[in-house]
Protein backbone atom coordinates (compact mmCIF):
# COMPACT_ATOMS: atom_id res chain seq x y z
CA UNK A 1 0.00 0.00 0.00
CA UNK A 2 1.48 3.40 -0.92
CA UNK A 3 2.33 5.88 1.80
CA UNK A 4 -0.50 8.22 2.78
CA UNK A 5 1.22 11.53 3.64
CA UNK A 6 -1.67 12.46 5.96
CA UNK A 7 -1.26 9.31 8.09
CA UNK A 8 -0.16 10.54 11.56
CA UNK A 9 1.76 7.28 12.17
CA UNK A 10 4.30 8.19 9.47
CA UNK A 11 7.25 10.21 10.84
CA UNK A 12 7.56 13.65 9.26
CA UNK A 13 11.05 12.99 7.85
CA UNK A 14 9.82 9.78 6.21
CA UNK A 15 7.62 11.95 3.99
CA UNK A 16 10.68 13.53 2.39
CA UNK A 17 11.44 12.77 -1.27
CA UNK A 18 13.54 9.68 -1.98
CA UNK A 19 17.21 10.38 -2.79
CA UNK A 20 19.41 7.86 -4.60
CA UNK A 21 22.76 7.46 -2.82
CA UNK A 22 24.15 4.63 -4.94
CA UNK A 23 22.94 2.38 -7.75
CA UNK A 24 24.78 -0.89 -8.41
CA UNK A 25 24.04 -3.81 -10.71
CA UNK A 26 21.88 -5.69 -8.16
CA UNK A 27 21.27 -3.25 -5.29
CA UNK A 28 20.64 0.43 -4.77
CA UNK A 29 20.91 2.56 -1.64
CA UNK A 30 18.38 5.30 -0.93
CA UNK A 31 17.64 7.95 1.68
CA UNK A 32 14.30 9.41 2.65
CA UNK A 33 14.72 12.02 5.37
CA UNK A 34 17.08 10.48 7.93
CA UNK A 35 16.22 6.91 6.83
CA UNK A 36 18.61 4.93 4.63
CA UNK A 37 17.59 1.65 3.00
CA UNK A 38 18.55 -0.77 0.26
CA UNK A 39 16.46 -1.97 -2.67
CA UNK A 40 16.95 -4.79 -5.14
CA UNK A 41 17.09 -3.65 -8.74
CA UNK A 42 15.12 -6.66 -9.98
CA UNK A 43 11.39 -5.98 -10.01
CA UNK A 44 10.11 -9.17 -8.38
CA UNK A 45 11.81 -9.57 -5.01
CA UNK A 46 12.78 -13.04 -3.91
CA UNK A 47 11.24 -16.46 -3.36
CA UNK A 48 11.93 -19.15 -0.75
CA UNK A 49 10.95 -22.69 -1.69
CA UNK A 50 9.52 -25.02 0.94
CA UNK A 51 10.40 -28.44 -0.43
CA UNK A 52 9.90 -31.86 1.16
CA UNK A 53 10.90 -35.03 -0.69
CA UNK A 54 8.63 -38.09 -1.01
CA UNK A 55 10.79 -39.61 1.78
CA UNK A 56 9.68 -36.72 4.08
CA UNK A 57 13.04 -34.95 3.98
CA UNK A 58 13.29 -31.16 3.95
CA UNK A 59 15.64 -29.71 1.33
CA UNK A 60 18.20 -27.22 2.60
CA UNK A 61 21.05 -25.64 0.65
CA UNK A 62 24.47 -24.64 1.88
CA UNK A 63 26.55 -21.94 0.25
CA UNK A 64 29.20 -19.39 1.08
CA UNK A 65 27.87 -15.85 1.47
CA UNK A 66 30.48 -13.15 0.92
CA UNK A 67 28.47 -10.48 2.77
CA UNK A 68 28.81 -12.33 6.08
CA UNK A 69 31.99 -14.33 5.26
CA UNK A 70 30.40 -17.64 6.27
CA UNK A 71 28.73 -20.70 4.89
CA UNK A 72 25.00 -20.49 5.41
CA UNK A 73 22.22 -23.03 5.58
CA UNK A 74 19.12 -21.80 3.77
CA UNK A 75 16.08 -23.14 1.99
CA UNK A 76 16.32 -23.14 -1.81
CA UNK A 77 15.66 -19.58 -2.91
CA UNK A 78 16.31 -17.02 -5.59
CA UNK A 79 15.47 -13.71 -7.15
CA UNK A 80 12.27 -13.26 -9.11
CA UNK A 81 12.64 -11.67 -12.54
CA UNK A 82 16.44 -11.48 -12.47
CA UNK A 83 17.05 -13.22 -15.81
CA UNK A 84 17.28 -11.23 -19.04
CA UNK A 85 13.87 -10.96 -20.65
CA UNK A 86 12.09 -12.33 -17.55
CA UNK A 87 11.29 -9.12 -15.66
CA UNK A 88 7.61 -10.14 -15.42
CA UNK A 89 8.38 -13.62 -14.03
CA UNK A 90 6.06 -14.69 -11.20
CA UNK A 91 7.22 -15.99 -7.83
CA UNK A 92 5.81 -19.42 -8.77
CA UNK A 93 7.80 -19.60 -12.02
CA UNK A 94 10.96 -18.44 -10.24
CA UNK A 95 10.39 -21.06 -7.52
CA UNK A 96 10.09 -23.84 -10.11
CA UNK A 97 13.29 -22.68 -11.86
CA UNK A 98 15.33 -22.16 -8.69
CA UNK A 99 14.25 -25.45 -7.09
CA UNK A 100 15.55 -27.50 -10.00
CA UNK A 101 18.68 -25.39 -10.47
CA UNK A 102 19.72 -25.46 -6.81
CA UNK A 103 18.55 -28.93 -5.68
CA UNK A 104 18.06 -31.04 -8.81
CA UNK A 105 14.41 -31.62 -7.90
CA UNK A 106 11.43 -30.84 -10.11
CA UNK A 107 8.00 -30.33 -8.56
CA UNK A 108 4.57 -31.34 -9.81
CA UNK A 109 2.77 -28.35 -8.35
CA UNK A 110 3.37 -25.14 -6.42
CA UNK A 111 1.44 -23.21 -3.82
CA UNK A 112 1.90 -19.58 -2.78
CA UNK A 113 1.96 -19.46 1.04
CA UNK A 114 2.93 -15.96 2.22
CA UNK A 115 4.84 -12.81 1.33
CA UNK A 116 6.58 -10.31 3.59
CA UNK A 117 9.66 -8.09 3.96
CA UNK A 118 13.10 -9.65 4.28
CA UNK A 119 14.33 -6.91 6.61
CA UNK A 120 11.76 -4.12 6.89
CA UNK A 121 14.14 -1.72 8.67
CA UNK A 122 16.83 -2.02 6.02
CA UNK A 123 15.37 -3.12 2.68
CA UNK A 124 12.37 -2.81 0.39
CA UNK A 125 12.78 -6.45 -0.67
CA UNK A 126 9.73 -8.67 -0.36
CA UNK A 127 10.09 -12.44 -0.04
CA UNK A 128 7.45 -14.94 -1.11
CA UNK A 129 7.27 -18.37 0.53
CA UNK A 130 6.17 -21.02 -2.00
CA UNK A 131 5.50 -24.69 -1.21
CA UNK A 132 6.69 -27.20 -3.80
CA UNK A 133 4.72 -30.46 -3.95
CA UNK A 134 5.26 -33.83 -5.66
CA UNK A 135 9.05 -33.65 -5.89
CA UNK A 136 11.03 -35.81 -8.31
CA UNK A 137 14.83 -35.94 -8.52
CA UNK A 138 15.86 -35.05 -12.10
CA UNK A 139 19.41 -33.71 -11.82
CA UNK A 140 22.38 -33.03 -9.57
CA UNK A 141 21.46 -29.52 -8.40
CA UNK A 142 24.29 -27.36 -7.07
CA UNK A 143 23.22 -24.10 -8.71
CA UNK A 144 24.34 -22.40 -11.89
CA UNK A 145 27.91 -21.74 -13.05
CA UNK A 146 28.30 -18.89 -10.52
CA UNK A 147 27.22 -20.98 -7.51
CA UNK A 148 28.68 -23.82 -5.46
CA UNK A 149 25.65 -25.15 -3.59
CA UNK A 150 25.59 -28.26 -1.40
CA UNK A 151 22.16 -29.86 -1.02
CA UNK A 152 21.13 -31.35 2.32
CA UNK A 153 18.13 -33.67 2.65
CA UNK A 154 17.13 -33.75 6.32
CA UNK A 155 14.31 -35.83 7.82
CA UNK A 156 11.54 -33.38 8.61
CA UNK A 157 11.19 -34.59 12.22
CA UNK A 158 14.90 -33.85 12.80
CA UNK A 159 15.17 -30.54 10.89
CA UNK A 160 15.16 -28.17 13.88
CA UNK A 161 17.78 -30.13 15.81
CA UNK A 162 19.88 -30.51 12.64
CA UNK A 163 19.86 -26.73 12.09
CA UNK A 164 20.91 -25.99 15.67
CA UNK A 165 23.70 -28.56 15.35
CA UNK A 166 24.96 -26.80 12.19
CA UNK A 167 24.84 -23.46 14.06
CA UNK A 168 26.99 -24.99 16.82
CA UNK A 169 29.49 -25.98 14.11
CA UNK A 170 29.76 -22.33 12.99
CA UNK A 171 27.32 -22.21 10.09
CA UNK A 172 25.09 -19.18 9.74
CA UNK A 173 21.48 -20.36 9.91
CA UNK A 174 18.98 -18.17 8.11
CA UNK A 175 16.20 -17.51 10.68
CA UNK A 176 13.63 -17.62 7.86
CA UNK A 177 14.20 -21.38 7.86
CA UNK A 178 12.18 -21.66 11.04
CA UNK A 179 9.31 -19.73 9.48
CA UNK A 180 9.60 -22.07 6.50
CA UNK A 181 9.43 -25.13 8.75
CA UNK A 182 6.33 -23.68 10.42
CA UNK A 183 4.74 -23.07 7.01
CA UNK A 184 5.50 -26.67 6.00
CA UNK A 185 3.61 -27.89 9.05
CA UNK A 186 0.81 -25.32 9.06
CA UNK A 187 0.60 -23.95 5.50
CA UNK A 188 -2.58 -23.73 3.54
CA UNK A 189 -2.41 -27.25 2.05
CA UNK A 190 -3.52 -28.08 -1.47
CA UNK A 191 -1.50 -26.49 -4.19
CA UNK A 192 -1.49 -25.13 -7.70
C-alpha atoms as a PDB file:
ATOM      1  CA  UNK A   1       0.000   0.000   0.000  1.00  0.00           C
ATOM      2  CA  UNK A   2       1.476   3.396  -0.921  1.00  0.00           C
ATOM      3  CA  UNK A   3       2.330   5.878   1.798  1.00  0.00           C
ATOM      4  CA  UNK A   4      -0.500   8.217   2.779  1.00  0.00           C
ATOM      5  CA  UNK A   5       1.218  11.532   3.645  1.00  0.00           C
ATOM      6  CA  UNK A   6      -1.667  12.464   5.963  1.00  0.00           C
ATOM      7  CA  UNK A   7      -1.260   9.312   8.087  1.00  0.00           C
ATOM      8  CA  UNK A   8      -0.156  10.542  11.557  1.00  0.00           C
ATOM      9  CA  UNK A   9       1.763   7.280  12.175  1.00  0.00           C
ATOM     10  CA  UNK A  10       4.300   8.186   9.468  1.00  0.00           C
ATOM     11  CA  UNK A  11       7.245  10.209  10.837  1.00  0.00           C
ATOM     12  CA  UNK A  12       7.557  13.654   9.258  1.00  0.00           C
ATOM     13  CA  UNK A  13      11.046  12.994   7.850  1.00  0.00           C
ATOM     14  CA  UNK A  14       9.818   9.776   6.211  1.00  0.00           C
ATOM     15  CA  UNK A  15       7.616  11.953   3.993  1.00  0.00           C
ATOM     16  CA  UNK A  16      10.681  13.530   2.389  1.00  0.00           C
ATOM     17  CA  UNK A  17      11.445  12.773  -1.274  1.00  0.00           C
ATOM     18  CA  UNK A  18      13.540   9.684  -1.976  1.00  0.00           C
ATOM     19  CA  UNK A  19      17.211  10.381  -2.790  1.00  0.00           C
ATOM     20  CA  UNK A  20      19.415   7.857  -4.601  1.00  0.00           C
ATOM     21  CA  UNK A  21      22.758   7.465  -2.820  1.00  0.00           C
ATOM     22  CA  UNK A  22      24.151   4.627  -4.939  1.00  0.00           C
ATOM     23  CA  UNK A  23      22.935   2.376  -7.751  1.00  0.00           C
ATOM     24  CA  UNK A  24      24.781  -0.890  -8.415  1.00  0.00           C
ATOM     25  CA  UNK A  25      24.038  -3.806 -10.710  1.00  0.00           C
ATOM     26  CA  UNK A  26      21.883  -5.688  -8.161  1.00  0.00           C
ATOM     27  CA  UNK A  27      21.273  -3.251  -5.285  1.00  0.00           C
ATOM     28  CA  UNK A  28      20.640   0.435  -4.771  1.00  0.00           C
ATOM     29  CA  UNK A  29      20.914   2.560  -1.643  1.00  0.00           C
ATOM     30  CA  UNK A  30      18.380   5.295  -0.925  1.00  0.00           C
ATOM     31  CA  UNK A  31      17.643   7.947   1.684  1.00  0.00           C
ATOM     32  CA  UNK A  32      14.305   9.409   2.653  1.00  0.00           C
ATOM     33  CA  UNK A  33      14.715  12.023   5.370  1.00  0.00           C
ATOM     34  CA  UNK A  34      17.075  10.476   7.931  1.00  0.00           C
ATOM     35  CA  UNK A  35      16.219   6.905   6.831  1.00  0.00           C
ATOM     36  CA  UNK A  36      18.611   4.930   4.634  1.00  0.00           C
ATOM     37  CA  UNK A  37      17.594   1.648   3.004  1.00  0.00           C
ATOM     38  CA  UNK A  38      18.548  -0.765   0.255  1.00  0.00           C
ATOM     39  CA  UNK A  39      16.457  -1.967  -2.669  1.00  0.00           C
ATOM     40  CA  UNK A  40      16.954  -4.793  -5.136  1.00  0.00           C
ATOM     41  CA  UNK A  41      17.087  -3.654  -8.743  1.00  0.00           C
ATOM     42  CA  UNK A  42      15.118  -6.659  -9.980  1.00  0.00           C
ATOM     43  CA  UNK A  43      11.389  -5.983 -10.012  1.00  0.00           C
ATOM     44  CA  UNK A  44      10.113  -9.174  -8.384  1.00  0.00           C
ATOM     45  CA  UNK A  45      11.806  -9.569  -5.015  1.00  0.00           C
ATOM     46  CA  UNK A  46      12.785 -13.045  -3.913  1.00  0.00           C
ATOM     47  CA  UNK A  47      11.241 -16.465  -3.359  1.00  0.00           C
ATOM     48  CA  UNK A  48      11.931 -19.153  -0.753  1.00  0.00           C
ATOM     49  CA  UNK A  49      10.950 -22.689  -1.690  1.00  0.00           C
ATOM     50  CA  UNK A  50       9.515 -25.016   0.939  1.00  0.00           C
ATOM     51  CA  UNK A  51      10.405 -28.439  -0.425  1.00  0.00           C
ATOM     52  CA  UNK A  52       9.904 -31.861   1.160  1.00  0.00           C
ATOM     53  CA  UNK A  53      10.899 -35.033  -0.694  1.00  0.00           C
ATOM     54  CA  UNK A  54       8.630 -38.094  -1.010  1.00  0.00           C
ATOM     55  CA  UNK A  55      10.786 -39.608   1.781  1.00  0.00           C
ATOM     56  CA  UNK A  56       9.682 -36.721   4.081  1.00  0.00           C
ATOM     57  CA  UNK A  57      13.042 -34.950   3.980  1.00  0.00           C
ATOM     58  CA  UNK A  58      13.289 -31.159   3.947  1.00  0.00           C
ATOM     59  CA  UNK A  59      15.637 -29.712   1.329  1.00  0.00           C
ATOM     60  CA  UNK A  60      18.200 -27.218   2.598  1.00  0.00           C
ATOM     61  CA  UNK A  61      21.047 -25.644   0.646  1.00  0.00           C
ATOM     62  CA  UNK A  62      24.470 -24.642   1.879  1.00  0.00           C
ATOM     63  CA  UNK A  63      26.553 -21.944   0.247  1.00  0.00           C
ATOM     64  CA  UNK A  64      29.204 -19.389   1.081  1.00  0.00           C
ATOM     65  CA  UNK A  65      27.871 -15.849   1.470  1.00  0.00           C
ATOM     66  CA  UNK A  66      30.484 -13.151   0.917  1.00  0.00           C
ATOM     67  CA  UNK A  67      28.468 -10.475   2.767  1.00  0.00           C
ATOM     68  CA  UNK A  68      28.814 -12.334   6.083  1.00  0.00           C
ATOM     69  CA  UNK A  69      31.994 -14.327   5.258  1.00  0.00           C
ATOM     70  CA  UNK A  70      30.398 -17.638   6.265  1.00  0.00           C
ATOM     71  CA  UNK A  71      28.731 -20.700   4.889  1.00  0.00           C
ATOM     72  CA  UNK A  72      24.996 -20.492   5.409  1.00  0.00           C
ATOM     73  CA  UNK A  73      22.221 -23.027   5.579  1.00  0.00           C
ATOM     74  CA  UNK A  74      19.121 -21.804   3.766  1.00  0.00           C
ATOM     75  CA  UNK A  75      16.078 -23.144   1.987  1.00  0.00           C
ATOM     76  CA  UNK A  76      16.317 -23.143  -1.807  1.00  0.00           C
ATOM     77  CA  UNK A  77      15.663 -19.580  -2.909  1.00  0.00           C
ATOM     78  CA  UNK A  78      16.314 -17.019  -5.595  1.00  0.00           C
ATOM     79  CA  UNK A  79      15.474 -13.713  -7.153  1.00  0.00           C
ATOM     80  CA  UNK A  80      12.270 -13.258  -9.110  1.00  0.00           C
ATOM     81  CA  UNK A  81      12.641 -11.671 -12.544  1.00  0.00           C
ATOM     82  CA  UNK A  82      16.438 -11.481 -12.473  1.00  0.00           C
ATOM     83  CA  UNK A  83      17.054 -13.222 -15.810  1.00  0.00           C
ATOM     84  CA  UNK A  84      17.283 -11.235 -19.035  1.00  0.00           C
ATOM     85  CA  UNK A  85      13.866 -10.957 -20.655  1.00  0.00           C
ATOM     86  CA  UNK A  86      12.095 -12.330 -17.553  1.00  0.00           C
ATOM     87  CA  UNK A  87      11.287  -9.122 -15.656  1.00  0.00           C
ATOM     88  CA  UNK A  88       7.614 -10.135 -15.425  1.00  0.00           C
ATOM     89  CA  UNK A  89       8.379 -13.623 -14.031  1.00  0.00           C
ATOM     90  CA  UNK A  90       6.058 -14.689 -11.202  1.00  0.00           C
ATOM     91  CA  UNK A  91       7.222 -15.995  -7.830  1.00  0.00           C
ATOM     92  CA  UNK A  92       5.808 -19.420  -8.773  1.00  0.00           C
ATOM     93  CA  UNK A  93       7.798 -19.602 -12.016  1.00  0.00           C
ATOM     94  CA  UNK A  94      10.955 -18.443 -10.243  1.00  0.00           C
ATOM     95  CA  UNK A  95      10.388 -21.056  -7.525  1.00  0.00           C
ATOM     96  CA  UNK A  96      10.095 -23.839 -10.109  1.00  0.00           C
ATOM     97  CA  UNK A  97      13.288 -22.676 -11.863  1.00  0.00           C
ATOM     98  CA  UNK A  98      15.332 -22.158  -8.694  1.00  0.00           C
ATOM     99  CA  UNK A  99      14.255 -25.446  -7.091  1.00  0.00           C
ATOM    100  CA  UNK A 100      15.549 -27.503  -9.997  1.00  0.00           C
ATOM    101  CA  UNK A 101      18.682 -25.386 -10.472  1.00  0.00           C
ATOM    102  CA  UNK A 102      19.716 -25.462  -6.808  1.00  0.00           C
ATOM    103  CA  UNK A 103      18.552 -28.926  -5.682  1.00  0.00           C
ATOM    104  CA  UNK A 104      18.063 -31.037  -8.808  1.00  0.00           C
ATOM    105  CA  UNK A 105      14.412 -31.619  -7.895  1.00  0.00           C
ATOM    106  CA  UNK A 106      11.432 -30.843 -10.113  1.00  0.00           C
ATOM    107  CA  UNK A 107       8.001 -30.334  -8.561  1.00  0.00           C
ATOM    108  CA  UNK A 108       4.567 -31.338  -9.810  1.00  0.00           C
ATOM    109  CA  UNK A 109       2.767 -28.345  -8.350  1.00  0.00           C
ATOM    110  CA  UNK A 110       3.367 -25.144  -6.421  1.00  0.00           C
ATOM    111  CA  UNK A 111       1.440 -23.209  -3.818  1.00  0.00           C
ATOM    112  CA  UNK A 112       1.904 -19.581  -2.779  1.00  0.00           C
ATOM    113  CA  UNK A 113       1.964 -19.460   1.037  1.00  0.00           C
ATOM    114  CA  UNK A 114       2.933 -15.964   2.225  1.00  0.00           C
ATOM    115  CA  UNK A 115       4.842 -12.810   1.328  1.00  0.00           C
ATOM    116  CA  UNK A 116       6.578 -10.315   3.587  1.00  0.00           C
ATOM    117  CA  UNK A 117       9.661  -8.092   3.956  1.00  0.00           C
ATOM    118  CA  UNK A 118      13.103  -9.655   4.279  1.00  0.00           C
ATOM    119  CA  UNK A 119      14.335  -6.912   6.614  1.00  0.00           C
ATOM    120  CA  UNK A 120      11.762  -4.115   6.890  1.00  0.00           C
ATOM    121  CA  UNK A 121      14.135  -1.719   8.666  1.00  0.00           C
ATOM    122  CA  UNK A 122      16.827  -2.023   6.018  1.00  0.00           C
ATOM    123  CA  UNK A 123      15.372  -3.118   2.684  1.00  0.00           C
ATOM    124  CA  UNK A 124      12.366  -2.810   0.392  1.00  0.00           C
ATOM    125  CA  UNK A 125      12.779  -6.453  -0.672  1.00  0.00           C
ATOM    126  CA  UNK A 126       9.725  -8.674  -0.362  1.00  0.00           C
ATOM    127  CA  UNK A 127      10.095 -12.443  -0.043  1.00  0.00           C
ATOM    128  CA  UNK A 128       7.447 -14.942  -1.110  1.00  0.00           C
ATOM    129  CA  UNK A 129       7.267 -18.367   0.526  1.00  0.00           C
ATOM    130  CA  UNK A 130       6.174 -21.018  -1.998  1.00  0.00           C
ATOM    131  CA  UNK A 131       5.505 -24.689  -1.208  1.00  0.00           C
ATOM    132  CA  UNK A 132       6.686 -27.205  -3.800  1.00  0.00           C
ATOM    133  CA  UNK A 133       4.724 -30.462  -3.945  1.00  0.00           C
ATOM    134  CA  UNK A 134       5.257 -33.833  -5.655  1.00  0.00           C
ATOM    135  CA  UNK A 135       9.047 -33.646  -5.891  1.00  0.00           C
ATOM    136  CA  UNK A 136      11.025 -35.809  -8.309  1.00  0.00           C
ATOM    137  CA  UNK A 137      14.834 -35.942  -8.520  1.00  0.00           C
ATOM    138  CA  UNK A 138      15.862 -35.049 -12.101  1.00  0.00           C
ATOM    139  CA  UNK A 139      19.414 -33.714 -11.818  1.00  0.00           C
ATOM    140  CA  UNK A 140      22.383 -33.031  -9.568  1.00  0.00           C
ATOM    141  CA  UNK A 141      21.463 -29.521  -8.400  1.00  0.00           C
ATOM    142  CA  UNK A 142      24.286 -27.360  -7.074  1.00  0.00           C
ATOM    143  CA  UNK A 143      23.224 -24.096  -8.711  1.00  0.00           C
ATOM    144  CA  UNK A 144      24.339 -22.400 -11.892  1.00  0.00           C
ATOM    145  CA  UNK A 145      27.909 -21.736 -13.047  1.00  0.00           C
ATOM    146  CA  UNK A 146      28.300 -18.887 -10.519  1.00  0.00           C
ATOM    147  CA  UNK A 147      27.218 -20.978  -7.510  1.00  0.00           C
ATOM    148  CA  UNK A 148      28.678 -23.817  -5.459  1.00  0.00           C
ATOM    149  CA  UNK A 149      25.647 -25.153  -3.593  1.00  0.00           C
ATOM    150  CA  UNK A 150      25.588 -28.260  -1.405  1.00  0.00           C
ATOM    151  CA  UNK A 151      22.156 -29.856  -1.019  1.00  0.00           C
ATOM    152  CA  UNK A 152      21.126 -31.353   2.320  1.00  0.00           C
ATOM    153  CA  UNK A 153      18.133 -33.672   2.650  1.00  0.00           C
ATOM    154  CA  UNK A 154      17.135 -33.755   6.324  1.00  0.00           C
ATOM    155  CA  UNK A 155      14.313 -35.827   7.816  1.00  0.00           C
ATOM    156  CA  UNK A 156      11.536 -33.376   8.610  1.00  0.00           C
ATOM    157  CA  UNK A 157      11.195 -34.588  12.218  1.00  0.00           C
ATOM    158  CA  UNK A 158      14.896 -33.848  12.803  1.00  0.00           C
ATOM    159  CA  UNK A 159      15.171 -30.542  10.887  1.00  0.00           C
ATOM    160  CA  UNK A 160      15.159 -28.168  13.875  1.00  0.00           C
ATOM    161  CA  UNK A 161      17.784 -30.129  15.811  1.00  0.00           C
ATOM    162  CA  UNK A 162      19.885 -30.509  12.638  1.00  0.00           C
ATOM    163  CA  UNK A 163      19.855 -26.733  12.088  1.00  0.00           C
ATOM    164  CA  UNK A 164      20.911 -25.985  15.668  1.00  0.00           C
ATOM    165  CA  UNK A 165      23.705 -28.564  15.352  1.00  0.00           C
ATOM    166  CA  UNK A 166      24.956 -26.800  12.190  1.00  0.00           C
ATOM    167  CA  UNK A 167      24.842 -23.464  14.065  1.00  0.00           C
ATOM    168  CA  UNK A 168      26.986 -24.994  16.825  1.00  0.00           C
ATOM    169  CA  UNK A 169      29.494 -25.982  14.115  1.00  0.00           C
ATOM    170  CA  UNK A 170      29.761 -22.334  12.991  1.00  0.00           C
ATOM    171  CA  UNK A 171      27.321 -22.209  10.087  1.00  0.00           C
ATOM    172  CA  UNK A 172      25.092 -19.182   9.736  1.00  0.00           C
ATOM    173  CA  UNK A 173      21.483 -20.362   9.911  1.00  0.00           C
ATOM    174  CA  UNK A 174      18.976 -18.173   8.112  1.00  0.00           C
ATOM    175  CA  UNK A 175      16.203 -17.514  10.676  1.00  0.00           C
ATOM    176  CA  UNK A 176      13.630 -17.619   7.860  1.00  0.00           C
ATOM    177  CA  UNK A 177      14.205 -21.383   7.863  1.00  0.00           C
ATOM    178  CA  UNK A 178      12.185 -21.660  11.041  1.00  0.00           C
ATOM    179  CA  UNK A 179       9.305 -19.730   9.476  1.00  0.00           C
ATOM    180  CA  UNK A 180       9.601 -22.067   6.497  1.00  0.00           C
ATOM    181  CA  UNK A 181       9.427 -25.133   8.746  1.00  0.00           C
ATOM    182  CA  UNK A 182       6.327 -23.684  10.420  1.00  0.00           C
ATOM    183  CA  UNK A 183       4.735 -23.074   7.007  1.00  0.00           C
ATOM    184  CA  UNK A 184       5.498 -26.669   6.000  1.00  0.00           C
ATOM    185  CA  UNK A 185       3.608 -27.895   9.053  1.00  0.00           C
ATOM    186  CA  UNK A 186       0.808 -25.316   9.061  1.00  0.00           C
ATOM    187  CA  UNK A 187       0.602 -23.953   5.499  1.00  0.00           C
ATOM    188  CA  UNK A 188      -2.584 -23.729   3.535  1.00  0.00           C
ATOM    189  CA  UNK A 189      -2.413 -27.248   2.051  1.00  0.00           C
ATOM    190  CA  UNK A 190      -3.521 -28.080  -1.465  1.00  0.00           C
ATOM    191  CA  UNK A 191      -1.499 -26.489  -4.191  1.00  0.00           C
ATOM    192  CA  UNK A 192      -1.489 -25.129  -7.696  1.00  0.00           C
END
